[in-house]
Amino acid sequence: MTTPDFAHAVWRKSTHSGDNGGQCVELAFLGTAVGLRDSKDKANGPILTVTPGEWAAFLAEARDGEFSQL
């Protein structure tokens, strides 16, 4: 996967996250890539990039309880 440009991406976080600067993860969808970042370090922090298929697989496993024993 080539490195996607998230400079103008629209980032969003869960509606369950408050506005108090807590520990939130933000997501951005670019069509060919999904970016995840820490909302506290959005200006300079790293962005984890996965494909839409990888993101869908992660969500499916989370919904199925795959990570409940962690």
N, C-alpha and C. Protein backbone atom coordinates (compact mmCIF):
# COMPACT_ATOMS: atom_id res chain seq x y z
N MET A 1 0.85 -1.17 0.00
CA MET A 1 0.00 0.00 0.00
C MET A 1 0.90 1.24 0.00
N THR A 2 0.61 2.18 -0.87
CA THR A 2 1.34 3.44 -0.85
C THR A 2 0.85 4.27 0.32
N THR A 3 1.68 5.18 0.78
CA THR A 3 1.31 6.00 1.93
C THR A 3 0.25 7.01 1.52
N PRO A 4 -0.94 6.91 2.11
CA PRO A 4 -2.00 7.86 1.75
C PRO A 4 -1.76 9.22 2.39
N ASP A 5 -2.33 10.24 1.78
CA ASP A 5 -2.20 11.61 2.27
C ASP A 5 -3.43 11.95 3.11
N PHE A 6 -3.24 12.05 4.42
CA PHE A 6 -4.34 12.36 5.33
C PHE A 6 -4.41 13.85 5.66
N ALA A 7 -3.65 14.68 4.94
CA ALA A 7 -3.59 16.11 5.25
C ALA A 7 -4.96 16.79 5.23
N HIS A 8 -5.84 16.37 4.34
CA HIS A 8 -7.16 17.00 4.25
C HIS A 8 -8.28 16.03 4.60
N ALA A 9 -7.92 14.97 5.31
CA ALA A 9 -8.92 13.97 5.68
C ALA A 9 -9.88 14.53 6.72
N VAL A 10 -11.08 14.01 6.71
CA VAL A 10 -12.08 14.36 7.73
C VAL A 10 -11.97 13.29 8.81
N TRP A 11 -11.53 13.70 9.99
CA TRP A 11 -11.36 12.79 11.11
C TRP A 11 -12.60 12.79 11.96
N ARG A 12 -12.93 11.63 12.51
CA ARG A 12 -14.10 11.54 13.39
C ARG A 12 -13.79 10.60 14.53
N LYS A 13 -14.51 10.78 15.62
CA LYS A 13 -14.36 9.89 16.76
C LYS A 13 -15.74 9.43 17.20
N SER A 14 -15.77 8.45 18.04
CA SER A 14 -17.03 7.87 18.49
C SER A 14 -17.90 8.92 19.17
N THR A 15 -19.19 8.78 19.00
CA THR A 15 -20.12 9.66 19.70
C THR A 15 -20.10 9.38 21.20
N HIS A 16 -19.53 8.26 21.61
CA HIS A 16 -19.39 7.93 23.03
C HIS A 16 -18.23 8.67 23.67
N SER A 17 -17.37 9.28 22.87
CA SER A 17 -16.23 10.04 23.39
C SER A 17 -16.70 11.42 23.78
N GLY A 18 -16.23 11.88 24.90
CA GLY A 18 -16.57 13.23 25.35
C GLY A 18 -15.63 14.26 24.75
N ASP A 19 -15.84 15.51 25.09
CA ASP A 19 -14.99 16.60 24.61
C ASP A 19 -13.98 17.04 25.67
N ASN A 20 -13.71 16.17 26.63
CA ASN A 20 -12.83 16.56 27.73
C ASN A 20 -11.36 16.23 27.48
N GLY A 21 -10.98 15.89 26.27
CA GLY A 21 -9.59 15.60 25.97
C GLY A 21 -9.13 14.24 26.46
N GLY A 22 -10.06 13.33 26.62
CA GLY A 22 -9.74 12.00 27.13
C GLY A 22 -9.00 11.14 26.13
N GLN A 23 -8.98 9.89 26.38
CA GLN A 23 -8.26 8.95 25.55
C GLN A 23 -9.15 8.48 24.41
N CYS A 24 -9.04 9.16 23.28
CA CYS A 24 -9.90 8.87 22.14
C CYS A 24 -9.06 8.47 20.93
N VAL A 25 -9.66 7.66 20.10
CA VAL A 25 -9.07 7.30 18.82
C VAL A 25 -9.94 7.92 17.74
N GLU A 26 -9.31 8.55 16.77
CA GLU A 26 -10.03 9.14 15.65
C GLU A 26 -9.78 8.32 14.39
N LEU A 27 -10.76 8.31 13.51
CA LEU A 27 -10.70 7.58 12.25
C LEU A 27 -10.91 8.51 11.08
N ALA A 28 -10.26 8.18 9.98
CA ALA A 28 -10.49 8.88 8.71
C ALA A 28 -10.54 7.83 7.61
N PHE A 29 -11.51 7.97 6.72
CA PHE A 29 -11.69 7.04 5.62
C PHE A 29 -11.34 7.76 4.31
N LEU A 30 -10.43 7.17 3.54
CA LEU A 30 -10.02 7.77 2.27
C LEU A 30 -10.41 6.93 1.07
N GLY A 31 -11.22 5.94 1.25
CA GLY A 31 -11.61 5.07 0.13
C GLY A 31 -10.70 3.87 0.03
N THR A 32 -9.40 4.08 -0.18
CA THR A 32 -8.45 2.97 -0.28
C THR A 32 -7.70 2.74 1.02
N ALA A 33 -7.93 3.58 2.02
CA ALA A 33 -7.22 3.45 3.29
C ALA A 33 -8.08 3.96 4.43
N VAL A 34 -7.83 3.40 5.60
CA VAL A 34 -8.45 3.86 6.84
C VAL A 34 -7.31 4.28 7.76
N GLY A 35 -7.39 5.48 8.30
CA GLY A 35 -6.36 5.96 9.21
C GLY A 35 -6.90 6.03 10.63
N LEU A 36 -6.06 5.67 11.58
CA LEU A 36 -6.41 5.75 13.00
C LEU A 36 -5.33 6.54 13.70
N ARG A 37 -5.72 7.45 14.59
CA ARG A 37 -4.75 8.24 15.33
C ARG A 37 -5.26 8.55 16.72
N ASP A 38 -4.35 8.93 17.60
CA ASP A 38 -4.68 9.33 18.96
C ASP A 38 -5.12 10.79 18.92
N SER A 39 -6.28 11.08 19.47
CA SER A 39 -6.81 12.44 19.39
C SER A 39 -5.98 13.44 20.19
N LYS A 40 -5.20 12.98 21.16
CA LYS A 40 -4.37 13.90 21.94
C LYS A 40 -3.11 14.34 21.19
N ASP A 41 -2.72 13.60 20.17
CA ASP A 41 -1.48 13.90 19.45
C ASP A 41 -1.74 14.00 17.96
N LYS A 42 -2.86 14.60 17.61
CA LYS A 42 -3.27 14.61 16.20
C LYS A 42 -2.38 15.45 15.30
N ALA A 43 -1.72 16.45 15.83
CA ALA A 43 -0.90 17.32 14.98
C ALA A 43 0.39 16.63 14.53
N ASN A 44 1.03 15.90 15.42
CA ASN A 44 2.34 15.34 15.10
C ASN A 44 2.43 13.84 15.30
N GLY A 45 1.40 13.23 15.79
CA GLY A 45 1.45 11.81 16.10
C GLY A 45 1.37 10.92 14.88
N PRO A 46 1.69 9.66 15.08
CA PRO A 46 1.64 8.70 13.98
C PRO A 46 0.21 8.35 13.59
N ILE A 47 0.04 7.88 12.39
CA ILE A 47 -1.25 7.42 11.88
C ILE A 47 -1.08 5.96 11.50
N LEU A 48 -1.88 5.10 12.12
CA LEU A 48 -1.91 3.70 11.74
C LEU A 48 -2.81 3.59 10.52
N THR A 49 -2.30 3.02 9.45
CA THR A 49 -3.04 2.92 8.20
C THR A 49 -3.32 1.46 7.88
N VAL A 50 -4.59 1.16 7.61
CA VAL A 50 -5.01 -0.19 7.22
C VAL A 50 -5.91 -0.09 6.00
N THR A 51 -6.11 -1.20 5.34
CA THR A 51 -7.01 -1.22 4.19
C THR A 51 -8.45 -1.29 4.71
N PRO A 52 -9.42 -0.93 3.89
CA PRO A 52 -10.82 -1.07 4.31
C PRO A 52 -11.16 -2.52 4.67
N GLY A 53 -10.58 -3.49 3.95
CA GLY A 53 -10.83 -4.89 4.27
C GLY A 53 -10.28 -5.29 5.63
N GLU A 54 -9.10 -4.80 5.96
CA GLU A 54 -8.52 -5.08 7.27
C GLU A 54 -9.35 -4.44 8.38
N TRP A 55 -9.83 -3.23 8.15
CA TRP A 55 -10.67 -2.56 9.14
C TRP A 55 -11.98 -3.33 9.34
N ALA A 56 -12.58 -3.77 8.26
CA ALA A 56 -13.83 -4.54 8.34
C ALA A 56 -13.61 -5.85 9.10
N ALA A 57 -12.47 -6.51 8.86
CA ALA A 57 -12.16 -7.75 9.57
C ALA A 57 -11.97 -7.50 11.06
N PHE A 58 -11.29 -6.42 11.40
CA PHE A 58 -11.11 -6.06 12.81
C PHE A 58 -12.46 -5.82 13.49
N LEU A 59 -13.33 -5.06 12.85
CA LEU A 59 -14.65 -4.78 13.43
C LEU A 59 -15.46 -6.06 13.60
N ALA A 60 -15.41 -6.94 12.61
CA ALA A 60 -16.16 -8.20 12.69
C ALA A 60 -15.65 -9.05 13.86
N GLU A 61 -14.34 -9.12 14.03
CA GLU A 61 -13.78 -9.90 15.13
C GLU A 61 -14.11 -9.27 16.48
N ALA A 62 -14.10 -7.96 16.54
CA ALA A 62 -14.46 -7.28 17.79
C ALA A 62 -15.93 -7.55 18.14
N ARG A 63 -16.79 -7.50 17.16
CA ARG A 63 -18.21 -7.77 17.39
C ARG A 63 -18.45 -9.22 17.82
N ASP A 64 -17.60 -10.14 17.33
CA ASP A 64 -17.74 -11.55 17.66
C ASP A 64 -17.07 -11.90 18.98
N GLY A 65 -16.48 -10.92 19.67
CA GLY A 65 -15.87 -11.17 20.96
C GLY A 65 -14.45 -11.73 20.90
N GLU A 66 -13.83 -11.64 19.76
CA GLU A 66 -12.48 -12.18 19.58
C GLU A 66 -11.48 -11.61 20.59
N PHE A 67 -11.68 -10.38 21.01
CA PHE A 67 -10.71 -9.71 21.88
C PHE A 67 -11.17 -9.64 23.33
N SER A 68 -12.23 -10.33 23.66
CA SER A 68 -12.80 -10.21 25.02
C SER A 68 -11.91 -10.83 26.09
N GLN A 69 -10.98 -11.69 25.71
CA GLN A 69 -10.09 -12.33 26.68
C GLN A 69 -8.79 -11.57 26.87
N LEU A 70 -8.62 -10.44 26.21
CA LEU A 70 -7.38 -9.68 26.33
C LEU A 70 -7.35 -8.87 27.60
